[in-house]
Every structure is written in C-alpha cells, then in structure tokens.
C-alpha atoms as a PDB file:
ATOM      1  CA  PHE A   1     135.768 156.102 158.074  1.00  0.00           C
ATOM      2  CA  GLN A   2     134.943 157.910 161.323  1.00  0.00           C
ATOM      3  CA  THR A   3     131.885 155.816 162.158  1.00  0.00           C
ATOM      4  CA  PRO A   4     133.827 153.565 164.575  1.00  0.00           C
ATOM      5  CA  PHE A   5     134.645 156.638 166.682  1.00  0.00           C
ATOM      6  CA  ALA A   6     130.996 157.731 166.764  1.00  0.00           C
ATOM      7  CA  ASP A   7     130.033 154.169 167.682  1.00  0.00           C
ATOM      8  CA  GLN A   8     132.525 153.972 170.541  1.00  0.00           C
ATOM      9  CA  VAL A   9     131.640 157.362 172.029  1.00  0.00           C
ATOM     10  CA  ARG A  10     127.896 156.692 171.714  1.00  0.00           C
ATOM     11  CA  ASN A  11     128.014 153.303 173.370  1.00  0.00           C
ATOM     12  CA  GLU A  12     130.629 154.001 176.055  1.00  0.00           C
ATOM     13  CA  ALA A  13     129.786 157.579 177.045  1.00  0.00           C
ATOM     14  CA  HIS A  14     126.058 157.212 176.322  1.00  0.00           C
ATOM     15  CA  VAL A  15     125.813 160.486 174.426  1.00  0.00           C
ATOM     16  CA  SER A  16     124.308 161.203 171.022  1.00  0.00           C
ATOM     17  CA  THR A  17     126.785 161.095 168.161  1.00  0.00           C
ATOM     18  CA  MET A  18     126.957 161.856 164.459  1.00  0.00           C
ATOM     19  CA  ALA A  19     128.741 159.668 161.918  1.00  0.00           C
ATOM     20  CA  VAL A  20     130.639 161.451 159.144  1.00  0.00           C
ATOM     21  CA  GLY A  21     133.169 160.650 156.456  1.00  0.00           C
ATOM     22  CA  ASN A  22     132.948 158.691 153.210  1.00  0.00           C
ATOM     23  CA  ILE A  23     129.246 157.902 153.600  1.00  0.00           C
ATOM     24  CA  TYR A  24     127.456 158.280 150.282  1.00  0.00           C
ATOM     25  CA  GLU A  25     124.887 155.495 149.855  1.00  0.00           C
ATOM     26  CA  PRO A  26     121.407 155.345 151.422  1.00  0.00           C
ATOM     27  CA  ASP A  27     121.950 151.737 152.510  1.00  0.00           C
ATOM     28  CA  HIS A  28     125.125 152.726 154.348  1.00  0.00           C
ATOM     29  CA  VAL A  29     123.275 155.514 156.160  1.00  0.00           C
ATOM     30  CA  ASN A  30     120.452 153.162 157.134  1.00  0.00           C
ATOM     31  CA  SER A  31     122.793 150.421 158.345  1.00  0.00           C
ATOM     32  CA  ILE A  32     124.720 152.845 160.589  1.00  0.00           C
ATOM     33  CA  LEU A  33     121.502 154.094 162.163  1.00  0.00           C
ATOM     34  CA  ALA A  34     119.845 150.671 162.431  1.00  0.00           C
ATOM     35  CA  ALA A  35     122.919 149.158 164.085  1.00  0.00           C
ATOM     36  CA  GLY A  36     122.949 151.916 166.702  1.00  0.00           C
ATOM     37  CA  ARG A  37     126.400 153.109 165.688  1.00  0.00           C
ATOM     38  CA  ALA A  38     125.296 156.766 165.588  1.00  0.00           C
ATOM     39  CA  ASP A  39     122.201 158.873 166.128  1.00  0.00           C
ATOM     40  CA  LEU A  40     122.677 161.027 163.056  1.00  0.00           C
ATOM     41  CA  VAL A  41     124.566 160.605 159.793  1.00  0.00           C
ATOM     42  CA  ALA A  42     125.948 163.678 158.033  1.00  0.00           C
ATOM     43  CA  LEU A  43     126.612 163.787 154.321  1.00  0.00           C
ATOM     44  CA  ALA A  44     128.494 166.611 152.645  1.00  0.00           C
ATOM     45  CA  ARG A  45     129.983 165.655 149.297  1.00  0.00           C
ATOM     46  CA  PRO A  46     126.945 163.707 148.080  1.00  0.00           C
ATOM     47  CA  HIS A  47     124.890 166.889 148.567  1.00  0.00           C
ATOM     48  CA  LEU A  48     127.479 168.998 146.758  1.00  0.00           C
ATOM     49  CA  VAL A  49     127.116 166.758 143.718  1.00  0.00           C
ATOM     50  CA  ASP A  50     123.339 166.383 144.052  1.00  0.00           C
ATOM     51  CA  PRO A  51     121.526 168.845 146.340  1.00  0.00           C
ATOM     52  CA  MET A  52     118.430 166.633 146.085  1.00  0.00           C
ATOM     53  CA  TRP A  53     120.332 163.545 147.312  1.00  0.00           C
ATOM     54  CA  THR A  54     118.086 162.976 150.327  1.00  0.00           C
ATOM     55  CA  LEU A  55     114.863 163.292 148.338  1.00  0.00           C
ATOM     56  CA  ARG A  56     116.270 161.055 145.583  1.00  0.00           C
ATOM     57  CA  ALA A  57     117.322 158.426 148.138  1.00  0.00           C
ATOM     58  CA  ALA A  58     113.839 158.527 149.669  1.00  0.00           C
ATOM     59  CA  ALA A  59     112.298 157.998 146.231  1.00  0.00           C
ATOM     60  CA  GLN A  60     114.685 155.133 145.438  1.00  0.00           C
ATOM     61  CA  GLN A  61     113.620 153.370 148.621  1.00  0.00           C
ATOM     62  CA  ASP A  62     109.948 154.269 148.089  1.00  0.00           C
ATOM     63  CA  TYR A  63     109.945 156.073 151.442  1.00  0.00           C
ATOM     64  CA  ARG A  64     106.929 158.364 151.720  1.00  0.00           C
ATOM     65  CA  GLY A  65     107.568 159.866 155.164  1.00  0.00           C
ATOM     66  CA  VAL A  66     109.889 162.620 153.977  1.00  0.00           C
ATOM     67  CA  HIS A  67     108.597 166.184 153.631  1.00  0.00           C
ATOM     68  CA  VAL A  68     108.776 167.303 150.022  1.00  0.00           C
ATOM     69  CA  PRO A  69     108.445 171.047 149.446  1.00  0.00           C
ATOM     70  CA  PRO A  70     105.305 171.708 147.365  1.00  0.00           C
ATOM     71  CA  PRO A  71     107.206 173.053 144.332  1.00  0.00           C
ATOM     72  CA  TYR A  72     109.091 169.733 144.118  1.00  0.00           C
ATOM     73  CA  LEU A  73     106.082 167.383 144.321  1.00  0.00           C
ATOM     74  CA  GLY A  74     105.697 167.089 140.542  1.00  0.00           C
ATOM     75  CA  GLY A  75     109.378 166.345 140.153  1.00  0.00           C
ATOM     76  CA  MET A  76     109.270 163.706 142.879  1.00  0.00           C
ATOM     77  CA  ALA A  77     106.327 161.989 141.182  1.00  0.00           C
ATOM     78  CA  GLN A  78     108.259 161.939 137.918  1.00  0.00           C
ATOM     79  CA  LEU A  79     111.373 160.647 139.663  1.00  0.00           C
ATOM     80  CA  ALA A  80     109.359 157.821 141.240  1.00  0.00           C
ATOM     81  CA  ARG A  81     107.972 156.854 137.808  1.00  0.00           C
ATOM     82  CA  ASN A  82     111.424 156.965 136.231  1.00  0.00           C
ATOM     83  CA  LEU A  83     112.956 154.847 138.999  1.00  0.00           C
ATOM     84  CA  LYS A  84     110.170 152.283 138.633  1.00  0.00           C
ATOM     85  CA  ARG A  85     110.708 152.178 134.872  1.00  0.00           C
ATOM     86  CA  GLU A  86     114.477 151.721 135.312  1.00  0.00           C
ATOM     87  CA  ALA A  87     113.903 148.865 137.764  1.00  0.00           C
ATOM     88  CA  GLU A  88     111.519 147.167 135.332  1.00  0.00           C
ATOM     89  CA  LEU A  89     114.059 147.436 132.511  1.00  0.00           C
ATOM     90  CA  LYS A  90     116.770 145.884 134.686  1.00  0.00           C
ATOM     91  CA  ALA A  91     114.548 142.944 135.669  1.00  0.00           C
END
C-alpha cells in the first residue's frame, strides 16, 4: 500500500526507493521492480511466516540465479521436485 509513494519519490526526485507494505507474492515483487516503481522491495511478514520465502519463491519460478547456502542445496532440489510434481497434478 506504500508502493505509490516509493514510485512518486523515485520518479520525481530521481533517488533510489524501497517499496514496503502488504507485498507477499513473488509476482507482485517482480511487477513492482519491472515497472520501475521501486529499486528494492522489502518483505517482513512473509519472512516471519516462512524464513525461506525468498528461496521458495525462486524455486517456484525456476530461478537459478539465487545463492543457496550449501547446507540447503539438498532441500532446494527436493523443493524443486515437489513443486514440479504439484504442477503436474494440477494440469
């Protein structure tokens, strides 16, 4: 709900901004960044519920450019398999 403020400041004052507030879906994050409404998106509550939110979102979108700490690599591989299986069952 504060993204319009970040957008206005970024585009009128030409400074980097961060969007916050009621952002909890990866697609919402990506659309804010892609539209140039903010330079950074901050999530708090989604990470309180799921500390691995960012890694899970990367796996859901099959994004491989995120650094995964070595101890989590096996879990990420399993998550990717499970997400693929869920998608196949829904199709």
